[in-house]
């Protein structure tokens, strides 16, 4: 590469290793329970939770896990 008629070489600096820090993020799980039984089942997906609650004639709720350790429970919804 030339700049104003003078040959110029590109100087590449070695990059230092970047420290990878795990990024905390909020995530949501779903819980289902039957009307007569008190055992709660956790699901990763909403469709699975609703399908189980429909089979058992039960309820579904969302549970949110925030990065700072706070857990928020939604209201039980009858399906």
PDB file of N, CA and C in Angstrom:
ATOM      1  N   UNK A   1       0.851  -1.164   0.000  1.00  0.00           N
ATOM      2  CA  UNK A   1       0.000   0.000   0.000  1.00  0.00           C
ATOM      3  C   UNK A   1       0.899   1.231   0.000  1.00  0.00           C
ATOM      4  N   UNK A   2       0.506   2.223  -0.762  1.00  0.00           N
ATOM      5  CA  UNK A   2       1.295   3.445  -0.831  1.00  0.00           C
ATOM      6  C   UNK A   2       0.459   4.647  -0.419  1.00  0.00           C
ATOM      7  N   UNK A   3       1.099   5.541   0.304  1.00  0.00           N
ATOM      8  CA  UNK A   3       0.458   6.770   0.737  1.00  0.00           C
ATOM      9  C   UNK A   3       1.352   7.923   0.290  1.00  0.00           C
ATOM     10  N   UNK A   4       0.862   8.736  -0.658  1.00  0.00           N
ATOM     11  CA  UNK A   4       1.633   9.846  -1.240  1.00  0.00           C
ATOM     12  C   UNK A   4       2.962   9.357  -1.818  1.00  0.00           C
ATOM     13  N   UNK A   5       2.971   8.194  -2.450  1.00  0.00           N
ATOM     14  CA  UNK A   5       4.154   7.671  -3.096  1.00  0.00           C
ATOM     15  C   UNK A   5       5.124   6.969  -2.163  1.00  0.00           C
ATOM     16  N   UNK A   6       4.825   6.898  -0.893  1.00  0.00           N
ATOM     17  CA  UNK A   6       5.706   6.250   0.073  1.00  0.00           C
ATOM     18  C   UNK A   6       5.086   4.900   0.436  1.00  0.00           C
ATOM     19  N   UNK A   7       5.889   3.823   0.289  1.00  0.00           N
ATOM     20  CA  UNK A   7       5.322   2.521   0.666  1.00  0.00           C
ATOM     21  C   UNK A   7       5.082   2.443   2.178  1.00  0.00           C
ATOM     22  N   UNK A   8       3.901   2.007   2.516  1.00  0.00           N
ATOM     23  CA  UNK A   8       3.501   1.925   3.924  1.00  0.00           C
ATOM     24  C   UNK A   8       3.067   0.495   4.211  1.00  0.00           C
ATOM     25  N   UNK A   9       3.582  -0.054   5.290  1.00  0.00           N
ATOM     26  CA  UNK A   9       3.149  -1.386   5.716  1.00  0.00           C
ATOM     27  C   UNK A   9       2.129  -1.230   6.839  1.00  0.00           C
ATOM     28  N   UNK A  10       1.121  -2.041   6.769  1.00  0.00           N
ATOM     29  CA  UNK A  10       0.128  -2.015   7.835  1.00  0.00           C
ATOM     30  C   UNK A  10       0.725  -2.622   9.093  1.00  0.00           C
ATOM     31  N   UNK A  11       0.571  -1.948  10.182  1.00  0.00           N
ATOM     32  CA  UNK A  11       1.101  -2.434  11.452  1.00  0.00           C
ATOM     33  C   UNK A  11      -0.060  -3.011  12.264  1.00  0.00           C
ATOM     34  N   UNK A  12       0.024  -4.266  12.506  1.00  0.00           N
ATOM     35  CA  UNK A  12      -1.033  -4.915  13.288  1.00  0.00           C
ATOM     36  C   UNK A  12      -0.528  -5.147  14.692  1.00  0.00           C
ATOM     37  N   UNK A  13      -1.301  -4.696  15.657  1.00  0.00           N
ATOM     38  CA  UNK A  13      -0.924  -4.904  17.049  1.00  0.00           C
ATOM     39  C   UNK A  13      -1.584  -6.177  17.549  1.00  0.00           C
ATOM     40  N   UNK A  14      -0.848  -6.967  18.286  1.00  0.00           N
ATOM     41  CA  UNK A  14      -1.483  -8.179  18.828  1.00  0.00           C
ATOM     42  C   UNK A  14      -2.523  -7.796  19.873  1.00  0.00           C
ATOM     43  N   UNK A  15      -3.657  -8.399  19.738  1.00  0.00           N
ATOM     44  CA  UNK A  15      -4.737  -8.113  20.677  1.00  0.00           C
ATOM     45  C   UNK A  15      -4.572  -8.985  21.917  1.00  0.00           C
ATOM     46  N   UNK A  16      -4.786  -8.387  23.060  1.00  0.00           N
ATOM     47  CA  UNK A  16      -4.734  -9.142  24.303  1.00  0.00           C
ATOM     48  C   UNK A  16      -5.985  -9.981  24.459  1.00  0.00           C
ATOM     49  N   UNK A  17      -5.894 -10.969  25.274  1.00  0.00           N
ATOM     50  CA  UNK A  17      -7.053 -11.820  25.505  1.00  0.00           C
ATOM     51  C   UNK A  17      -8.086 -11.056  26.325  1.00  0.00           C
ATOM     52  N   UNK A  18      -9.287 -11.093  25.860  1.00  0.00           N
ATOM     53  CA  UNK A  18     -10.354 -10.443  26.605  1.00  0.00           C
ATOM     54  C   UNK A  18     -10.925 -11.443  27.596  1.00  0.00           C
ATOM     55  N   UNK A  19     -11.208 -10.965  28.758  1.00  0.00           N
ATOM     56  CA  UNK A  19     -11.804 -11.828  29.775  1.00  0.00           C
ATOM     57  C   UNK A  19     -13.294 -11.944  29.526  1.00  0.00           C
ATOM     58  N   UNK A  20     -13.737 -13.153  29.353  1.00  0.00           N
ATOM     59  CA  UNK A  20     -15.154 -13.377  29.132  1.00  0.00           C
ATOM     60  C   UNK A  20     -15.860 -13.473  30.471  1.00  0.00           C
ATOM     61  N   UNK A  21     -16.763 -12.556  30.680  1.00  0.00           N
ATOM     62  CA  UNK A  21     -17.549 -12.570  31.906  1.00  0.00           C
ATOM     63  C   UNK A  21     -18.943 -13.066  31.562  1.00  0.00           C
ATOM     64  N   UNK A  22     -19.445 -13.984  32.331  1.00  0.00           N
ATOM     65  CA  UNK A  22     -20.784 -14.490  32.034  1.00  0.00           C
ATOM     66  C   UNK A  22     -21.828 -13.382  32.194  1.00  0.00           C
ATOM     67  N   UNK A  23     -22.671 -13.282  31.209  1.00  0.00           N
ATOM     68  CA  UNK A  23     -23.721 -12.278  31.254  1.00  0.00           C
ATOM     69  C   UNK A  23     -24.952 -12.878  31.918  1.00  0.00           C
ATOM     70  N   UNK A  24     -25.367 -12.282  32.990  1.00  0.00           N
ATOM     71  CA  UNK A  24     -26.570 -12.745  33.677  1.00  0.00           C
ATOM     72  C   UNK A  24     -27.791 -12.153  32.978  1.00  0.00           C
ATOM     73  N   UNK A  25     -28.800 -12.965  32.798  1.00  0.00           N
ATOM     74  CA  UNK A  25     -30.020 -12.486  32.171  1.00  0.00           C
ATOM     75  C   UNK A  25     -31.225 -13.118  32.851  1.00  0.00           C
ATOM     76  N   UNK A  26     -32.330 -12.457  32.723  1.00  0.00           N
ATOM     77  CA  UNK A  26     -33.558 -12.964  33.311  1.00  0.00           C
ATOM     78  C   UNK A  26     -34.112 -14.087  32.446  1.00  0.00           C
ATOM     79  N   UNK A  27     -34.738 -15.062  33.088  1.00  0.00           N
ATOM     80  CA  UNK A  27     -35.381 -16.118  32.319  1.00  0.00           C
ATOM     81  C   UNK A  27     -36.677 -16.506  33.006  1.00  0.00           C
ATOM     82  N   UNK A  28     -37.511 -17.178  32.283  1.00  0.00           N
ATOM     83  CA  UNK A  28     -38.851 -17.494  32.765  1.00  0.00           C
ATOM     84  C   UNK A  28     -39.093 -18.996  32.683  1.00  0.00           C
ATOM     85  N   UNK A  29     -39.733 -19.533  33.687  1.00  0.00           N
ATOM     86  CA  UNK A  29     -40.171 -20.926  33.697  1.00  0.00           C
ATOM     87  C   UNK A  29     -41.681 -20.934  33.940  1.00  0.00           C
ATOM     88  N   UNK A  30     -42.271 -22.047  33.643  1.00  0.00           N
ATOM     89  CA  UNK A  30     -43.711 -22.198  33.833  1.00  0.00           C
ATOM     90  C   UNK A  30     -43.966 -23.327  34.811  1.00  0.00           C
ATOM     91  N   UNK A  31     -44.984 -23.177  35.645  1.00  0.00           N
ATOM     92  CA  UNK A  31     -45.362 -24.213  36.598  1.00  0.00           C
ATOM     93  C   UNK A  31     -46.804 -24.610  36.337  1.00  0.00           C
ATOM     94  N   UNK A  32     -47.061 -25.896  36.457  1.00  0.00           N
ATOM     95  CA  UNK A  32     -48.429 -26.393  36.317  1.00  0.00           C
ATOM     96  C   UNK A  32     -48.765 -27.251  37.526  1.00  0.00           C
ATOM     97  N   UNK A  33     -50.029 -27.260  37.879  1.00  0.00           N
ATOM     98  CA  UNK A  33     -50.498 -28.030  39.026  1.00  0.00           C
ATOM     99  C   UNK A  33     -51.928 -28.472  38.736  1.00  0.00           C
ATOM    100  N   UNK A  34     -52.278 -29.661  39.208  1.00  0.00           N
ATOM    101  CA  UNK A  34     -53.651 -30.122  39.025  1.00  0.00           C
ATOM    102  C   UNK A  34     -54.515 -29.535  40.126  1.00  0.00           C
ATOM    103  N   UNK A  35     -55.821 -29.606  39.952  1.00  0.00           N
ATOM    104  CA  UNK A  35     -56.735 -29.028  40.927  1.00  0.00           C
ATOM    105  C   UNK A  35     -56.730 -29.759  42.253  1.00  0.00           C
ATOM    106  N   UNK A  36     -56.632 -31.097  42.233  1.00  0.00           N
ATOM    107  CA  UNK A  36     -56.724 -31.876  43.467  1.00  0.00           C
ATOM    108  C   UNK A  36     -55.357 -32.119  44.108  1.00  0.00           C
ATOM    109  N   UNK A  37     -54.320 -32.215  43.307  1.00  0.00           N
ATOM    110  CA  UNK A  37     -52.987 -32.542  43.798  1.00  0.00           C
ATOM    111  C   UNK A  37     -52.204 -31.258  44.048  1.00  0.00           C
ATOM    112  N   UNK A  38     -51.305 -31.283  45.010  1.00  0.00           N
ATOM    113  CA  UNK A  38     -50.530 -30.080  45.320  1.00  0.00           C
ATOM    114  C   UNK A  38     -49.114 -30.141  44.759  1.00  0.00           C
ATOM    115  N   UNK A  39     -48.785 -31.157  43.958  1.00  0.00           N
ATOM    116  CA  UNK A  39     -47.435 -31.256  43.416  1.00  0.00           C
ATOM    117  C   UNK A  39     -47.299 -30.342  42.198  1.00  0.00           C
ATOM    118  N   UNK A  40     -46.291 -29.492  42.228  1.00  0.00           N
ATOM    119  CA  UNK A  40     -46.050 -28.521  41.171  1.00  0.00           C
ATOM    120  C   UNK A  40     -44.970 -29.067  40.239  1.00  0.00           C
ATOM    121  N   UNK A  41     -45.196 -28.948  38.941  1.00  0.00           N
ATOM    122  CA  UNK A  41     -44.229 -29.381  37.943  1.00  0.00           C
ATOM    123  C   UNK A  41     -43.739 -28.167  37.175  1.00  0.00           C
ATOM    124  N   UNK A  42     -42.413 -28.046  37.038  1.00  0.00           N
ATOM    125  CA  UNK A  42     -41.844 -26.925  36.295  1.00  0.00           C
ATOM    126  C   UNK A  42     -41.603 -27.322  34.849  1.00  0.00           C
ATOM    127  N   UNK A  43     -41.834 -26.368  33.953  1.00  0.00           N
ATOM    128  CA  UNK A  43     -41.656 -26.578  32.521  1.00  0.00           C
ATOM    129  C   UNK A  43     -40.843 -25.422  31.959  1.00  0.00           C
ATOM    130  N   UNK A  44     -40.064 -25.700  30.903  1.00  0.00           N
ATOM    131  CA  UNK A  44     -39.305 -24.639  30.247  1.00  0.00           C
ATOM    132  C   UNK A  44     -40.154 -23.874  29.249  1.00  0.00           C
ATOM    133  N   UNK A  45     -41.150 -24.522  28.697  1.00  0.00           N
ATOM    134  CA  UNK A  45     -41.959 -23.898  27.657  1.00  0.00           C
ATOM    135  C   UNK A  45     -43.413 -23.800  28.101  1.00  0.00           C
ATOM    136  N   UNK A  46     -44.060 -22.754  27.633  1.00  0.00           N
ATOM    137  CA  UNK A  46     -45.446 -22.501  28.001  1.00  0.00           C
ATOM    138  C   UNK A  46     -46.380 -23.577  27.448  1.00  0.00           C
ATOM    139  N   UNK A  47     -46.132 -24.059  26.231  1.00  0.00           N
ATOM    140  CA  UNK A  47     -47.017 -25.056  25.615  1.00  0.00           C
ATOM    141  C   UNK A  47     -47.067 -26.342  26.433  1.00  0.00           C
ATOM    142  N   UNK A  48     -45.911 -26.771  26.940  1.00  0.00           N
ATOM    143  CA  UNK A  48     -45.878 -27.991  27.737  1.00  0.00           C
ATOM    144  C   UNK A  48     -46.650 -27.816  29.040  1.00  0.00           C
ATOM    145  N   UNK A  49     -46.510 -26.665  29.666  1.00  0.00           N
ATOM    146  CA  UNK A  49     -47.213 -26.408  30.922  1.00  0.00           C
ATOM    147  C   UNK A  49     -48.725 -26.374  30.712  1.00  0.00           C
ATOM    148  N   UNK A  50     -49.152 -25.726  29.642  1.00  0.00           N
ATOM    149  CA  UNK A  50     -50.595 -25.641  29.370  1.00  0.00           C
ATOM    150  C   UNK A  50     -51.151 -27.013  29.011  1.00  0.00           C
ATOM    151  N   UNK A  51     -50.397 -27.798  28.223  1.00  0.00           N
ATOM    152  CA  UNK A  51     -50.869 -29.134  27.843  1.00  0.00           C
ATOM    153  C   UNK A  51     -51.055 -30.015  29.074  1.00  0.00           C
ATOM    154  N   UNK A  52     -50.129 -29.949  30.024  1.00  0.00           N
ATOM    155  CA  UNK A  52     -50.251 -30.761  31.244  1.00  0.00           C
ATOM    156  C   UNK A  52     -51.421 -30.276  32.098  1.00  0.00           C
ATOM    157  N   UNK A  53     -51.585 -28.965  32.196  1.00  0.00           N
ATOM    158  CA  UNK A  53     -52.683 -28.422  32.999  1.00  0.00           C
ATOM    159  C   UNK A  53     -54.045 -28.773  32.388  1.00  0.00           C
ATOM    160  N   UNK A  54     -54.126 -28.822  31.072  1.00  0.00           N
ATOM    161  CA  UNK A  54     -55.377 -29.204  30.412  1.00  0.00           C
ATOM    162  C   UNK A  54     -55.693 -30.660  30.712  1.00  0.00           C
ATOM    163  N   UNK A  55     -54.681 -31.531  30.664  1.00  0.00           N
ATOM    164  CA  UNK A  55     -54.899 -32.951  30.956  1.00  0.00           C
ATOM    165  C   UNK A  55     -55.394 -33.153  32.382  1.00  0.00           C
ATOM    166  N   UNK A  56     -54.828 -32.389  33.318  1.00  0.00           N
ATOM    167  CA  UNK A  56     -55.157 -32.570  34.736  1.00  0.00           C
ATOM    168  C   UNK A  56     -56.254 -31.631  35.222  1.00  0.00           C
ATOM    169  N   UNK A  57     -56.795 -30.822  34.321  1.00  0.00           N
ATOM    170  CA  UNK A  57     -57.783 -29.809  34.699  1.00  0.00           C
ATOM    171  C   UNK A  57     -57.253 -28.942  35.833  1.00  0.00           C
ATOM    172  N   UNK A  58     -56.073 -28.400  35.612  1.00  0.00           N
ATOM    173  CA  UNK A  58     -55.396 -27.651  36.666  1.00  0.00           C
ATOM    174  C   UNK A  58     -55.139 -26.201  36.311  1.00  0.00           C
ATOM    175  N   UNK A  59     -54.048 -25.676  36.884  1.00  0.00           N
ATOM    176  CA  UNK A  59     -53.691 -24.266  36.740  1.00  0.00           C
ATOM    177  C   UNK A  59     -52.247 -24.120  36.257  1.00  0.00           C
ATOM    178  N   UNK A  60     -51.949 -22.933  35.715  1.00  0.00           N
ATOM    179  CA  UNK A  60     -50.620 -22.617  35.198  1.00  0.00           C
ATOM    180  C   UNK A  60     -50.219 -21.246  35.722  1.00  0.00           C
ATOM    181  N   UNK A  61     -48.911 -21.060  35.980  1.00  0.00           N
ATOM    182  CA  UNK A  61     -48.401 -19.728  36.311  1.00  0.00           C
ATOM    183  C   UNK A  61     -46.975 -19.584  35.793  1.00  0.00           C
ATOM    184  N   UNK A  62     -46.569 -18.342  35.567  1.00  0.00           N
ATOM    185  CA  UNK A  62     -45.212 -18.036  35.112  1.00  0.00           C
ATOM    186  C   UNK A  62     -44.355 -17.668  36.314  1.00  0.00           C
ATOM    187  N   UNK A  63     -43.092 -18.093  36.279  1.00  0.00           N
ATOM    188  CA  UNK A  63     -42.136 -17.757  37.330  1.00  0.00           C
ATOM    189  C   UNK A  63     -40.925 -17.124  36.652  1.00  0.00           C
ATOM    190  N   UNK A  64     -40.586 -15.890  37.034  1.00  0.00           N
ATOM    191  CA  UNK A  64     -39.464 -15.171  36.447  1.00  0.00           C
ATOM    192  C   UNK A  64     -38.292 -15.158  37.415  1.00  0.00           C
ATOM    193  N   UNK A  65     -37.118 -15.491  36.911  1.00  0.00           N
ATOM    194  CA  UNK A  65     -35.887 -15.461  37.692  1.00  0.00           C
ATOM    195  C   UNK A  65     -35.041 -14.303  37.186  1.00  0.00           C
ATOM    196  N   UNK A  66     -34.837 -13.274  37.989  1.00  0.00           N
ATOM    197  CA  UNK A  66     -34.072 -12.098  37.603  1.00  0.00           C
ATOM    198  C   UNK A  66     -32.596 -12.288  37.947  1.00  0.00           C
ATOM    199  N   UNK A  67     -31.697 -11.556  37.275  1.00  0.00           N
ATOM    200  CA  UNK A  67     -30.259 -11.749  37.485  1.00  0.00           C
ATOM    201  C   UNK A  67     -29.792 -11.461  38.911  1.00  0.00           C
ATOM    202  N   UNK A  68     -30.469 -10.574  39.627  1.00  0.00           N
ATOM    203  CA  UNK A  68     -30.026 -10.230  40.975  1.00  0.00           C
ATOM    204  C   UNK A  68     -30.571 -11.176  42.035  1.00  0.00           C
ATOM    205  N   UNK A  69     -31.167 -12.289  41.617  1.00  0.00           N
ATOM    206  CA  UNK A  69     -31.620 -13.306  42.560  1.00  0.00           C
ATOM    207  C   UNK A  69     -33.069 -13.203  42.969  1.00  0.00           C
ATOM    208  N   UNK A  70     -33.792 -12.251  42.442  1.00  0.00           N
ATOM    209  CA  UNK A  70     -35.204 -12.082  42.787  1.00  0.00           C
ATOM    210  C   UNK A  70     -36.039 -13.042  41.945  1.00  0.00           C
ATOM    211  N   UNK A  71     -36.965 -13.717  42.589  1.00  0.00           N
ATOM    212  CA  UNK A  71     -37.874 -14.639  41.902  1.00  0.00           C
ATOM    213  C   UNK A  71     -39.280 -14.058  41.989  1.00  0.00           C
ATOM    214  N   UNK A  72     -39.915 -13.888  40.848  1.00  0.00           N
ATOM    215  CA  UNK A  72     -41.264 -13.339  40.811  1.00  0.00           C
ATOM    216  C   UNK A  72     -42.230 -14.419  40.346  1.00  0.00           C
ATOM    217  N   UNK A  73     -43.237 -14.672  41.154  1.00  0.00           N
ATOM    218  CA  UNK A  73     -44.251 -15.673  40.824  1.00  0.00           C
ATOM    219  C   UNK A  73     -45.486 -14.963  40.284  1.00  0.00           C
ATOM    220  N   UNK A  74     -45.996 -15.462  39.170  1.00  0.00           N
ATOM    221  CA  UNK A  74     -47.237 -14.928  38.616  1.00  0.00           C
ATOM    222  C   UNK A  74     -48.441 -15.539  39.314  1.00  0.00           C
ATOM    223  N   UNK A  75     -49.612 -15.123  38.904  1.00  0.00           N
ATOM    224  CA  UNK A  75     -50.842 -15.651  39.492  1.00  0.00           C
ATOM    225  C   UNK A  75     -51.209 -16.966  38.817  1.00  0.00           C
ATOM    226  N   UNK A  76     -51.850 -17.844  39.590  1.00  0.00           N
ATOM    227  CA  UNK A  76     -52.319 -19.117  39.037  1.00  0.00           C
ATOM    228  C   UNK A  76     -53.502 -18.819  38.118  1.00  0.00           C
ATOM    229  N   UNK A  77     -53.465 -19.410  36.935  1.00  0.00           N
ATOM    230  CA  UNK A  77     -54.555 -19.263  35.955  1.00  0.00           C
ATOM    231  C   UNK A  77     -55.142 -20.617  35.658  1.00  0.00           C
ATOM    232  N   UNK A  78     -56.446 -20.742  35.817  1.00  0.00           N
ATOM    233  CA  UNK A  78     -57.108 -22.011  35.518  1.00  0.00           C
ATOM    234  C   UNK A  78     -57.190 -22.180  34.010  1.00  0.00           C
ATOM    235  N   UNK A  79     -56.913 -23.403  33.570  1.00  0.00           N
ATOM    236  CA  UNK A  79     -56.921 -23.719  32.135  1.00  0.00           C
ATOM    237  C   UNK A  79     -58.160 -24.537  31.814  1.00  0.00           C
TER     238      UNK A  79
END
